[in-house]
PDB file of N, CA and C in Angstrom:
ATOM      1  N   MET A   1       2.450  -6.438   6.997  1.00  0.00           N
ATOM      2  CA  MET A   1       2.481  -5.066   6.563  1.00  0.00           C
ATOM      3  C   MET A   1       3.531  -4.319   7.402  1.00  0.00           C
ATOM      4  N   LYS A   2       4.327  -3.548   6.737  1.00  0.00           N
ATOM      5  CA  LYS A   2       5.387  -2.795   7.412  1.00  0.00           C
ATOM      6  C   LYS A   2       4.832  -1.495   7.996  1.00  0.00           C
ATOM      7  N   LEU A   3       5.623  -0.889   8.873  1.00  0.00           N
ATOM      8  CA  LEU A   3       5.204   0.334   9.551  1.00  0.00           C
ATOM      9  C   LEU A   3       4.934   1.462   8.560  1.00  0.00           C
ATOM     10  N   SER A   4       5.764   1.596   7.537  1.00  0.00           N
ATOM     11  CA  SER A   4       5.558   2.676   6.561  1.00  0.00           C
ATOM     12  C   SER A   4       4.239   2.505   5.820  1.00  0.00           C
ATOM     13  N   GLU A   5       3.864   1.277   5.533  1.00  0.00           N
ATOM     14  CA  GLU A   5       2.589   1.034   4.857  1.00  0.00           C
ATOM     15  C   GLU A   5       1.418   1.364   5.771  1.00  0.00           C
ATOM     16  N   ILE A   6       1.534   0.985   7.033  1.00  0.00           N
ATOM     17  CA  ILE A   6       0.470   1.271   7.996  1.00  0.00           C
ATOM     18  C   ILE A   6       0.299   2.781   8.166  1.00  0.00           C
ATOM     19  N   LEU A   7       1.415   3.496   8.243  1.00  0.00           N
ATOM     20  CA  LEU A   7       1.347   4.951   8.398  1.00  0.00           C
ATOM     21  C   LEU A   7       0.721   5.613   7.176  1.00  0.00           C
ATOM     22  N   LEU A   8       1.108   5.169   5.987  1.00  0.00           N
ATOM     23  CA  LEU A   8       0.518   5.743   4.769  1.00  0.00           C
ATOM     24  C   LEU A   8      -0.986   5.494   4.713  1.00  0.00           C
ATOM     25  N   LEU A   9      -1.389   4.296   5.086  1.00  0.00           N
ATOM     26  CA  LEU A   9      -2.810   3.963   5.076  1.00  0.00           C
ATOM     27  C   LEU A   9      -3.573   4.758   6.128  1.00  0.00           C
ATOM     28  N   ALA A  10      -2.980   4.952   7.293  1.00  0.00           N
ATOM     29  CA  ALA A  10      -3.626   5.723   8.354  1.00  0.00           C
ATOM     30  C   ALA A  10      -3.770   7.192   7.965  1.00  0.00           C
ATOM     31  N   VAL A  11      -2.730   7.747   7.363  1.00  0.00           N
ATOM     32  CA  VAL A  11      -2.800   9.148   6.924  1.00  0.00           C
ATOM     33  C   VAL A  11      -3.853   9.305   5.833  1.00  0.00           C
ATOM     34  N   ALA A  12      -3.918   8.337   4.905  1.00  0.00           N
ATOM     35  CA  ALA A  12      -4.925   8.388   3.852  1.00  0.00           C
ATOM     36  C   ALA A  12      -6.329   8.328   4.441  1.00  0.00           C
ATOM     37  N   ALA A  13      -6.541   7.439   5.412  1.00  0.00           N
ATOM     38  CA  ALA A  13      -7.857   7.347   6.051  1.00  0.00           C
ATOM     39  C   ALA A  13      -8.190   8.646   6.789  1.00  0.00           C
ATOM     40  N   GLY A  14      -7.196   9.239   7.413  1.00  0.00           N
ATOM     41  CA  GLY A  14      -7.408  10.510   8.096  1.00  0.00           C
ATOM     42  C   GLY A  14      -7.834  11.610   7.135  1.00  0.00           C
ATOM     43  N   PHE A  15      -7.158  11.689   5.994  1.00  0.00           N
ATOM     44  CA  PHE A  15      -7.541  12.703   5.002  1.00  0.00           C
ATOM     45  C   PHE A  15      -8.928  12.434   4.427  1.00  0.00           C
ATOM     46  N   LEU A  16      -9.318  11.171   4.314  1.00  0.00           N
ATOM     47  CA  LEU A  16     -10.665  10.852   3.832  1.00  0.00           C
ATOM     48  C   LEU A  16     -11.713  11.346   4.829  1.00  0.00           C
ATOM     49  N   VAL A  17     -11.480  11.094   6.103  1.00  0.00           N
ATOM     50  CA  VAL A  17     -12.424  11.545   7.135  1.00  0.00           C
ATOM     51  C   VAL A  17     -12.486  13.070   7.163  1.00  0.00           C
ATOM     52  N   ILE A  18     -11.341  13.718   7.089  1.00  0.00           N
ATOM     53  CA  ILE A  18     -11.314  15.189   7.083  1.00  0.00           C
ATOM     54  C   ILE A  18     -12.011  15.722   5.845  1.00  0.00           C
ATOM     55  N   TRP A  19     -11.801  15.062   4.693  1.00  0.00           N
ATOM     56  CA  TRP A  19     -12.451  15.521   3.465  1.00  0.00           C
ATOM     57  C   TRP A  19     -13.965  15.415   3.576  1.00  0.00           C
ATOM     58  N   ILE A  20     -14.458  14.305   4.127  1.00  0.00           N
ATOM     59  CA  ILE A  20     -15.910  14.133   4.270  1.00  0.00           C
ATOM     60  C   ILE A  20     -16.484  15.233   5.161  1.00  0.00           C
ATOM     61  N   ALA A  21     -15.814  15.506   6.271  1.00  0.00           N
ATOM     62  CA  ALA A  21     -16.296  16.565   7.175  1.00  0.00           C
ATOM     63  C   ALA A  21     -16.232  17.934   6.497  1.00  0.00           C
ATOM     64  N   GLU A  22     -15.160  18.178   5.783  1.00  0.00           N
ATOM     65  CA  GLU A  22     -15.006  19.474   5.100  1.00  0.00           C
ATOM     66  C   GLU A  22     -15.996  19.614   3.942  1.00  0.00           C
ATOM     67  N   TYR A  23     -16.275  18.515   3.253  1.00  0.00           N
ATOM     68  CA  TYR A  23     -17.219  18.552   2.129  1.00  0.00           C
ATOM     69  C   TYR A  23     -18.630  18.887   2.617  1.00  0.00           C
ATOM     70  N   GLN A  24     -18.988  18.387   3.787  1.00  0.00           N
ATOM     71  CA  GLN A  24     -20.306  18.705   4.340  1.00  0.00           C
ATOM     72  C   GLN A  24     -20.385  20.173   4.768  1.00  0.00           C
ATOM     73  N   ARG A  25     -19.257  20.726   5.155  1.00  0.00           N
ATOM     74  CA  ARG A  25     -19.231  22.108   5.643  1.00  0.00           C
ATOM     75  C   ARG A  25     -19.132  23.113   4.494  1.00  0.00           C
ATOM     76  N   THR A  26     -18.357  22.755   3.447  1.00  0.00           N
ATOM     77  CA  THR A  26     -18.135  23.682   2.329  1.00  0.00           C
ATOM     78  C   THR A  26     -18.536  23.002   1.022  1.00  0.00           C
ATOM     79  N   SER A  27     -18.087  23.568  -0.066  1.00  0.00           N
ATOM     80  CA  SER A  27     -18.407  22.998  -1.379  1.00  0.00           C
ATOM     81  C   SER A  27     -17.322  22.001  -1.797  1.00  0.00           C
ATOM     82  N   PHE A  28     -17.594  21.308  -2.893  1.00  0.00           N
ATOM     83  CA  PHE A  28     -16.638  20.328  -3.403  1.00  0.00           C
ATOM     84  C   PHE A  28     -15.345  21.007  -3.838  1.00  0.00           C
ATOM     85  N   GLY A  29     -15.457  22.147  -4.467  1.00  0.00           N
ATOM     86  CA  GLY A  29     -14.277  22.868  -4.935  1.00  0.00           C
ATOM     87  C   GLY A  29     -13.355  23.305  -3.812  1.00  0.00           C
ATOM     88  N   ASP A  30     -13.937  23.682  -2.679  1.00  0.00           N
ATOM     89  CA  ASP A  30     -13.120  24.115  -1.545  1.00  0.00           C
ATOM     90  C   ASP A  30     -12.438  22.953  -0.825  1.00  0.00           C
ATOM     91  N   SER A  31     -13.018  21.756  -0.939  1.00  0.00           N
ATOM     92  CA  SER A  31     -12.442  20.609  -0.231  1.00  0.00           C
ATOM     93  C   SER A  31     -11.735  19.638  -1.178  1.00  0.00           C
ATOM     94  N   TYR A  32     -11.586  20.018  -2.417  1.00  0.00           N
ATOM     95  CA  TYR A  32     -10.979  19.152  -3.430  1.00  0.00           C
ATOM     96  C   TYR A  32      -9.545  18.778  -3.081  1.00  0.00           C
ATOM     97  N   TRP A  33      -8.785  19.702  -2.509  1.00  0.00           N
ATOM     98  CA  TRP A  33      -7.381  19.447  -2.188  1.00  0.00           C
ATOM     99  C   TRP A  33      -7.238  18.329  -1.148  1.00  0.00           C
ATOM    100  N   LEU A  34      -8.202  18.206  -0.237  1.00  0.00           N
ATOM    101  CA  LEU A  34      -8.151  17.112   0.737  1.00  0.00           C
ATOM    102  C   LEU A  34      -8.383  15.765   0.060  1.00  0.00           C
ATOM    103  N   LEU A  35      -9.282  15.749  -0.905  1.00  0.00           N
ATOM    104  CA  LEU A  35      -9.533  14.521  -1.658  1.00  0.00           C
ATOM    105  C   LEU A  35      -8.285  14.112  -2.444  1.00  0.00           C
ATOM    106  N   MET A  36      -7.586  15.080  -3.009  1.00  0.00           N
ATOM    107  CA  MET A  36      -6.369  14.767  -3.758  1.00  0.00           C
ATOM    108  C   MET A  36      -5.254  14.264  -2.834  1.00  0.00           C
ATOM    109  N   LEU A  37      -5.164  14.803  -1.637  1.00  0.00           N
ATOM    110  CA  LEU A  37      -4.188  14.285  -0.673  1.00  0.00           C
ATOM    111  C   LEU A  37      -4.519  12.844  -0.296  1.00  0.00           C
ATOM    112  N   PHE A  38      -5.805  12.556  -0.105  1.00  0.00           N
ATOM    113  CA  PHE A  38      -6.232  11.193   0.182  1.00  0.00           C
ATOM    114  C   PHE A  38      -5.810  10.257  -0.944  1.00  0.00           C
ATOM    115  N   LEU A  39      -6.099  10.633  -2.163  1.00  0.00           N
ATOM    116  CA  LEU A  39      -5.737   9.790  -3.311  1.00  0.00           C
ATOM    117  C   LEU A  39      -4.225   9.651  -3.453  1.00  0.00           C
ATOM    118  N   GLY A  40      -3.497  10.717  -3.176  1.00  0.00           N
ATOM    119  CA  GLY A  40      -2.042  10.653  -3.245  1.00  0.00           C
ATOM    120  C   GLY A  40      -1.469   9.671  -2.240  1.00  0.00           C
ATOM    121  N   PHE A  41      -1.989   9.687  -1.025  1.00  0.00           N
ATOM    122  CA  PHE A  41      -1.484   8.754  -0.017  1.00  0.00           C
ATOM    123  C   PHE A  41      -1.908   7.320  -0.294  1.00  0.00           C
ATOM    124  N   ILE A  42      -3.083   7.128  -0.868  1.00  0.00           N
ATOM    125  CA  ILE A  42      -3.501   5.768  -1.264  1.00  0.00           C
ATOM    126  C   ILE A  42      -2.569   5.247  -2.353  1.00  0.00           C
ATOM    127  N   LEU A  43      -2.262   6.081  -3.327  1.00  0.00           N
ATOM    128  CA  LEU A  43      -1.351   5.659  -4.392  1.00  0.00           C
ATOM    129  C   LEU A  43       0.054   5.401  -3.855  1.00  0.00           C
ATOM    130  N   ALA A  44       0.501   6.220  -2.919  1.00  0.00           N
ATOM    131  CA  ALA A  44       1.809   6.000  -2.303  1.00  0.00           C
ATOM    132  C   ALA A  44       1.816   4.683  -1.534  1.00  0.00           C
ATOM    133  N   PHE A  45       0.736   4.373  -0.836  1.00  0.00           N
ATOM    134  CA  PHE A  45       0.625   3.108  -0.114  1.00  0.00           C
ATOM    135  C   PHE A  45       0.726   1.930  -1.077  1.00  0.00           C
ATOM    136  N   GLN A  46      -0.009   2.003  -2.178  1.00  0.00           N
ATOM    137  CA  GLN A  46       0.031   0.918  -3.159  1.00  0.00           C
ATOM    138  C   GLN A  46       1.418   0.772  -3.768  1.00  0.00           C
ATOM    139  N   TYR A  47       2.076   1.873  -4.038  1.00  0.00           N
ATOM    140  CA  TYR A  47       3.416   1.833  -4.611  1.00  0.00           C
ATOM    141  C   TYR A  47       4.403   1.175  -3.652  1.00  0.00           C
ATOM    142  N   VAL A  48       4.366   1.593  -2.395  1.00  0.00           N
ATOM    143  CA  VAL A  48       5.285   1.035  -1.396  1.00  0.00           C
ATOM    144  C   VAL A  48       5.006  -0.449  -1.183  1.00  0.00           C
ATOM    145  N   ARG A  49       3.738  -0.820  -1.123  1.00  0.00           N
ATOM    146  CA  ARG A  49       3.386  -2.229  -0.921  1.00  0.00           C
ATOM    147  C   ARG A  49       3.824  -3.086  -2.097  1.00  0.00           C
ATOM    148  N   ASN A  50       3.580  -2.605  -3.314  1.00  0.00           N
ATOM    149  CA  ASN A  50       3.981  -3.377  -4.493  1.00  0.00           C
ATOM    150  C   ASN A  50       5.496  -3.491  -4.614  1.00  0.00           C
ATOM    151  N   LYS A  51       6.222  -2.443  -4.245  1.00  0.00           N
ATOM    152  CA  LYS A  51       7.685  -2.515  -4.247  1.00  0.00           C
ATOM    153  C   LYS A  51       8.175  -3.560  -3.259  1.00  0.00           C
ATOM    154  N   ARG A  52       7.579  -3.603  -2.055  1.00  0.00           N
ATOM    155  CA  ARG A  52       7.970  -4.575  -1.042  1.00  0.00           C
ATOM    156  C   ARG A  52       7.662  -5.994  -1.505  1.00  0.00           C
ATOM    157  N   LEU A  53       6.499  -6.195  -2.084  1.00  0.00           N
ATOM    158  CA  LEU A  53       6.132  -7.524  -2.572  1.00  0.00           C
ATOM    159  C   LEU A  53       7.062  -7.969  -3.696  1.00  0.00           C
ATOM    160  N   GLU A  54       7.453  -7.045  -4.547  1.00  0.00           N
ATOM    161  CA  GLU A  54       8.376  -7.364  -5.632  1.00  0.00           C
ATOM    162  C   GLU A  54       9.747  -7.742  -5.074  1.00  0.00           C
ATOM    163  N   ARG A  55      10.215  -7.007  -4.056  1.00  0.00           N
ATOM    164  CA  ARG A  55      11.490  -7.340  -3.430  1.00  0.00           C
ATOM    165  C   ARG A  55      11.439  -8.708  -2.760  1.00  0.00           C
ATOM    166  N   GLU A  56      10.306  -9.048  -2.160  1.00  0.00           N
ATOM    167  CA  GLU A  56      10.170 -10.341  -1.499  1.00  0.00           C
ATOM    168  C   GLU A  56      10.184 -11.485  -2.495  1.00  0.00           C
ATOM    169  N   LYS A  57       9.683 -11.243  -3.698  1.00  0.00           N
ATOM    170  CA  LYS A  57       9.699 -12.286  -4.728  1.00  0.00           C
ATOM    171  C   LYS A  57      11.117 -12.587  -5.197  1.00  0.00           C
ATOM    172  N   THR A  58      11.958 -11.571  -5.232  1.00  0.00           N
ATOM    173  CA  THR A  58      13.304 -11.753  -5.768  1.00  0.00           C
ATOM    174  C   THR A  58      14.302 -12.198  -4.708  1.00  0.00           C
ATOM    175  N   THR A  59      13.871 -12.350  -3.450  1.00  0.00           N
ATOM    176  CA  THR A  59      14.780 -12.811  -2.413  1.00  0.00           C
ATOM    177  C   THR A  59      15.072 -14.282  -2.589  1.00  0.00           C
ATOM    178  N   SER A  60      16.020 -14.777  -1.839  1.00  0.00           N
ATOM    179  CA  SER A  60      16.427 -16.174  -1.978  1.00  0.00           C
ATOM    180  C   SER A  60      15.261 -17.100  -1.662  1.00  0.00           C
ATOM    181  N   PRO A  61      15.228 -18.239  -2.331  1.00  0.00           N
ATOM    182  CA  PRO A  61      14.098 -19.158  -2.128  1.00  0.00           C
ATOM    183  C   PRO A  61      14.099 -19.754  -0.719  1.00  0.00           C
ATOM    184  N   THR A  62      12.940 -20.126  -0.275  1.00  0.00           N
ATOM    185  CA  THR A  62      12.820 -20.722   1.040  1.00  0.00           C
ATOM    186  C   THR A  62      13.276 -22.172   0.997  1.00  0.00           C
ATOM    187  N   ILE A  63      13.430 -22.763   2.144  1.00  0.00           N
ATOM    188  CA  ILE A  63      13.876 -24.149   2.226  1.00  0.00           C
ATOM    189  C   ILE A  63      12.867 -25.073   1.547  1.00  0.00           C
ATOM    190  N   LYS A  64      11.592 -24.767   1.722  1.00  0.00           N
ATOM    191  CA  LYS A  64      10.547 -25.591   1.102  1.00  0.00           C
ATOM    192  C   LYS A  64      10.693 -25.587  -0.420  1.00  0.00           C
ATOM    193  N   GLN A  65      10.968 -24.425  -0.991  1.00  0.00           N
ATOM    194  CA  GLN A  65      11.153 -24.329  -2.437  1.00  0.00           C
ATOM    195  C   GLN A  65      12.396 -25.091  -2.871  1.00  0.00           C
ATOM    196  N   LEU A  66      13.471 -25.031  -2.093  1.00  0.00           N
ATOM    197  CA  LEU A  66      14.699 -25.749  -2.435  1.00  0.00           C
ATOM    198  C   LEU A  66      14.470 -27.261  -2.435  1.00  0.00           C
ATOM    199  N   VAL A  67      13.720 -27.761  -1.457  1.00  0.00           N
ATOM    200  CA  VAL A  67      13.429 -29.192  -1.384  1.00  0.00           C
ATOM    201  C   VAL A  67      12.600 -29.625  -2.587  1.00  0.00           C
ATOM    202  N   GLU A  68      11.611 -28.816  -2.948  1.00  0.00           N
ATOM    203  CA  GLU A  68      10.780 -29.143  -4.111  1.00  0.00           C
ATOM    204  C   GLU A  68      11.606 -29.140  -5.393  1.00  0.00           C
ATOM    205  N   ASP A  69      12.524 -28.192  -5.530  1.00  0.00           N
ATOM    206  CA  ASP A  69      13.379 -28.139  -6.715  1.00  0.00           C
ATOM    207  C   ASP A  69      14.283 -29.362  -6.798  1.00  0.00           C
ATOM    208  N   ARG A  70      14.813 -29.820  -5.685  1.00  0.00           N
ATOM    209  CA  ARG A  70      15.671 -31.005  -5.680  1.00  0.00           C
ATOM    210  C   ARG A  70      14.887 -32.245  -6.060  1.00  0.00           C
ATOM    211  N   ARG A  71      13.648 -32.330  -5.614  1.00  0.00           N
ATOM    212  CA  ARG A  71      12.800 -33.475  -5.958  1.00  0.00           C
ATOM    213  C   ARG A  71      12.516 -33.497  -7.467  1.00  0.00           C
ATOM    214  N   LYS A  72      12.299 -32.319  -8.023  1.00  0.00           N
ATOM    215  CA  LYS A  72      12.027 -32.238  -9.457  1.00  0.00           C
ATOM    216  C   LYS A  72      13.255 -32.639 -10.268  1.00  0.00           C
ATOM    217  N   LYS A  73      14.432 -32.256  -9.813  1.00  0.00           N
ATOM    218  CA  LYS A  73      15.668 -32.582 -10.528  1.00  0.00           C
ATOM    219  C   LYS A  73      15.958 -34.083 -10.474  1.00  0.00           C
ATOM    220  N   LYS A  74      15.585 -34.749  -9.403  1.00  0.00           N
ATOM    221  CA  LYS A  74      15.824 -36.169  -9.264  1.00  0.00           C
ATOM    222  C   LYS A  74      14.953 -36.985 -10.207  1.00  0.00           C
ATOM    223  N   LYS A  75      13.782 -36.493 -10.554  1.00  0.00           N
ATOM    224  CA  LYS A  75      12.857 -37.236 -11.418  1.00  0.00           C
ATOM    225  C   LYS A  75      13.223 -37.163 -12.859  1.00  0.00           C
TER     226      LYS A  75
END
């Protein structure tokens, strides 16, 4: 996991904790914006993670994959 993903996840967890504390103190309507910030950061985390995983799939193949491909071509 990259630093940006860890930070997004930490901020999302922070907003969740703040929302729970605020929800106990006030009503749902007054603390709704904290819940939306939590959801926004969770979605941003998922977006960044999926983009990174997609980029990793399109990178050059590893040596292990190259060896397996050569074995398949020989058969």
